[in-house]
Amino acid sequence: MSKNEKKIVSGLSIVSSNIFLKRKSNCFSNQALLRYLHQLHVDEVELVGVDGNYCVGSSALHGKRKGLNVLFNESCVGIKDMKKFGKTKELLSKEGIIFIT
């Protein structure tokens, strides 16, 4: 495995062969993921992840701009900087991101 190759964390339960890697903070930058969602006629996604100010926030914004209804599950998203997240949440809300818990 090269040093730039992604590894899946050990102990993670994999329940599907549909694995889409990302190289940018926005998961919707992966064209294969967008094609897959389009093939399945997906129009709504629920996002979860490590930090809502960065990867999850960026993905939420770009998913909405790609025409998806985006649910941001606050109970399943880590927030390292709560002060910054107030501004992030305000921006995402203005863009039509729906926050759930």
C-alpha atoms as a PDB file:
ATOM      1  CA  MET A   1       0.000   0.000   0.000  1.00  0.00           C
ATOM      2  CA  SER A   2       1.421   3.405  -0.994  1.00  0.00           C
ATOM      3  CA  LYS A   3       1.585   6.193   1.559  1.00  0.00           C
ATOM      4  CA  ASN A   4      -1.173   8.098  -0.298  1.00  0.00           C
ATOM      5  CA  GLU A   5      -3.521   5.121  -0.483  1.00  0.00           C
ATOM      6  CA  LYS A   6      -6.535   5.323   1.838  1.00  0.00           C
ATOM      7  CA  LYS A   7      -7.153   2.624   4.451  1.00  0.00           C
ATOM      8  CA  ILE A   8     -10.450   1.729   6.039  1.00  0.00           C
ATOM      9  CA  VAL A   9     -10.227   1.850   9.799  1.00  0.00           C
ATOM     10  CA  SER A  10      -9.951  -1.556  11.458  1.00  0.00           C
ATOM     11  CA  GLY A  11     -13.050  -2.703  13.296  1.00  0.00           C
ATOM     12  CA  LEU A  12     -15.445  -0.922  10.946  1.00  0.00           C
ATOM     13  CA  SER A  13     -18.384  -3.096   9.923  1.00  0.00           C
ATOM     14  CA  ILE A  14     -18.643  -3.049   6.143  1.00  0.00           C
ATOM     15  CA  VAL A  15     -22.138  -3.982   4.985  1.00  0.00           C
ATOM     16  CA  SER A  16     -21.848  -3.056   1.311  1.00  0.00           C
ATOM     17  CA  SER A  17     -19.332  -3.177  -1.499  1.00  0.00           C
ATOM     18  CA  ASN A  18     -20.310   0.389  -2.408  1.00  0.00           C
ATOM     19  CA  ILE A  19     -17.343   2.305  -1.036  1.00  0.00           C
ATOM     20  CA  PHE A  20     -16.563   5.776  -2.372  1.00  0.00           C
ATOM     21  CA  LEU A  21     -13.292   7.399  -1.335  1.00  0.00           C
ATOM     22  CA  LYS A  22     -12.788  11.135  -1.274  1.00  0.00           C
ATOM     23  CA  ARG A  23      -9.673  13.246  -1.734  1.00  0.00           C
ATOM     24  CA  LYS A  24     -11.306  16.575  -0.841  1.00  0.00           C
ATOM     25  CA  SER A  25     -13.363  17.744   2.111  1.00  0.00           C
ATOM     26  CA  ASN A  26     -16.519  17.599   0.004  1.00  0.00           C
ATOM     27  CA  CYS A  27     -17.585  13.969  -0.510  1.00  0.00           C
ATOM     28  CA  PHE A  28     -19.669  15.024  -3.523  1.00  0.00           C
ATOM     29  CA  SER A  29     -16.479  15.876  -5.395  1.00  0.00           C
ATOM     30  CA  ASN A  30     -16.334  12.126  -6.113  1.00  0.00           C
ATOM     31  CA  GLN A  31     -18.082  11.796  -9.481  1.00  0.00           C
ATOM     32  CA  ALA A  32     -18.580   8.043  -9.014  1.00  0.00           C
ATOM     33  CA  LEU A  33     -20.630   8.738  -5.875  1.00  0.00           C
ATOM     34  CA  LEU A  34     -22.767  11.271  -7.725  1.00  0.00           C
ATOM     35  CA  ARG A  35     -23.365   8.806 -10.591  1.00  0.00           C
ATOM     36  CA  TYR A  36     -24.332   6.082  -8.123  1.00  0.00           C
ATOM     37  CA  LEU A  37     -26.811   8.330  -6.315  1.00  0.00           C
ATOM     38  CA  HIS A  38     -28.262   9.439  -9.643  1.00  0.00           C
ATOM     39  CA  GLN A  39     -28.692   5.813 -10.815  1.00  0.00           C
ATOM     40  CA  LEU A  40     -30.657   5.066  -7.649  1.00  0.00           C
ATOM     41  CA  HIS A  41     -32.753   8.251  -8.034  1.00  0.00           C
ATOM     42  CA  VAL A  42     -31.581   9.459  -4.619  1.00  0.00           C
ATOM     43  CA  ASP A  43     -32.784  12.974  -3.881  1.00  0.00           C
ATOM     44  CA  GLU A  44     -32.118  13.135  -0.124  1.00  0.00           C
ATOM     45  CA  VAL A  45     -29.069  12.253   1.967  1.00  0.00           C
ATOM     46  CA  GLU A  46     -28.385  12.260   5.693  1.00  0.00           C
ATOM     47  CA  LEU A  47     -24.850  13.293   6.564  1.00  0.00           C
ATOM     48  CA  VAL A  48     -22.862  12.175   9.589  1.00  0.00           C
ATOM     49  CA  GLY A  49     -19.161  12.496  10.299  1.00  0.00           C
ATOM     50  CA  VAL A  50     -16.211  13.706  12.304  1.00  0.00           C
ATOM     51  CA  ASP A  51     -16.389  17.516  12.147  1.00  0.00           C
ATOM     52  CA  GLY A  52     -19.368  19.603  11.107  1.00  0.00           C
ATOM     53  CA  ASN A  53     -17.240  22.675  10.482  1.00  0.00           C
ATOM     54  CA  TYR A  54     -15.151  21.013   7.810  1.00  0.00           C
ATOM     55  CA  CYS A  55     -15.854  17.814   5.838  1.00  0.00           C
ATOM     56  CA  VAL A  56     -19.474  17.376   6.902  1.00  0.00           C
ATOM     57  CA  GLY A  57     -20.270  21.069   6.469  1.00  0.00           C
ATOM     58  CA  SER A  58     -18.560  21.224   3.090  1.00  0.00           C
ATOM     59  CA  SER A  59     -20.313  18.073   1.914  1.00  0.00           C
ATOM     60  CA  ALA A  60     -23.681  19.404   3.084  1.00  0.00           C
ATOM     61  CA  LEU A  61     -23.223  22.629   1.164  1.00  0.00           C
ATOM     62  CA  HIS A  62     -22.041  20.936  -2.026  1.00  0.00           C
ATOM     63  CA  GLY A  63     -24.697  18.228  -1.835  1.00  0.00           C
ATOM     64  CA  LYS A  64     -27.376  20.914  -1.696  1.00  0.00           C
ATOM     65  CA  ARG A  65     -25.780  22.682  -4.658  1.00  0.00           C
ATOM     66  CA  LYS A  66     -25.894  19.370  -6.559  1.00  0.00           C
ATOM     67  CA  GLY A  67     -29.666  19.315  -6.057  1.00  0.00           C
ATOM     68  CA  LEU A  68     -29.919  16.987  -3.065  1.00  0.00           C
ATOM     69  CA  ASN A  69     -32.038  17.566   0.006  1.00  0.00           C
ATOM     70  CA  VAL A  70     -29.493  17.381   2.812  1.00  0.00           C
ATOM     71  CA  LEU A  71     -30.183  16.320   6.392  1.00  0.00           C
ATOM     72  CA  PHE A  72     -27.403  17.221   8.843  1.00  0.00           C
ATOM     73  CA  ASN A  73     -27.709  14.843  11.795  1.00  0.00           C
ATOM     74  CA  GLU A  74     -26.287  16.812  14.725  1.00  0.00           C
ATOM     75  CA  SER A  75     -26.402  13.794  17.033  1.00  0.00           C
ATOM     76  CA  CYS A  76     -24.034  11.937  14.667  1.00  0.00           C
ATOM     77  CA  VAL A  77     -21.631  14.757  13.755  1.00  0.00           C
ATOM     78  CA  GLY A  78     -18.665  15.768  15.848  1.00  0.00           C
ATOM     79  CA  ILE A  79     -18.084  19.465  16.478  1.00  0.00           C
ATOM     80  CA  LYS A  80     -14.606  20.437  17.600  1.00  0.00           C
ATOM     81  CA  ASP A  81     -15.148  24.219  17.691  1.00  0.00           C
ATOM     82  CA  MET A  82     -18.687  25.011  18.873  1.00  0.00           C
ATOM     83  CA  LYS A  83     -18.176  28.772  18.505  1.00  0.00           C
ATOM     84  CA  LYS A  84     -17.282  28.366  14.836  1.00  0.00           C
ATOM     85  CA  PHE A  85     -20.130  25.890  14.363  1.00  0.00           C
ATOM     86  CA  GLY A  86     -22.672  28.601  15.161  1.00  0.00           C
ATOM     87  CA  LYS A  87     -21.564  30.451  12.025  1.00  0.00           C
ATOM     88  CA  THR A  88     -21.346  27.229  10.013  1.00  0.00           C
ATOM     89  CA  LYS A  89     -24.863  26.229  11.020  1.00  0.00           C
ATOM     90  CA  GLU A  90     -26.214  29.667  10.139  1.00  0.00           C
ATOM     91  CA  LEU A  91     -24.636  29.490   6.660  1.00  0.00           C
ATOM     92  CA  LEU A  92     -25.876  25.949   6.030  1.00  0.00           C
ATOM     93  CA  SER A  93     -29.381  26.807   7.247  1.00  0.00           C
ATOM     94  CA  LYS A  94     -29.536  29.746   4.830  1.00  0.00           C
ATOM     95  CA  GLU A  95     -28.599  27.338   2.025  1.00  0.00           C
ATOM     96  CA  GLY A  96     -31.517  25.045   2.928  1.00  0.00           C
ATOM     97  CA  ILE A  97     -29.713  22.341   4.886  1.00  0.00           C
ATOM     98  CA  ILE A  98     -32.091  20.665   7.348  1.00  0.00           C
ATOM     99  CA  PHE A  99     -30.756  20.006  10.853  1.00  0.00           C
ATOM    100  CA  ILE A 100     -32.011  16.951  12.741  1.00  0.00           C
ATOM    101  CA  THR A 101     -31.037  15.259  16.018  1.00  0.00           C
END
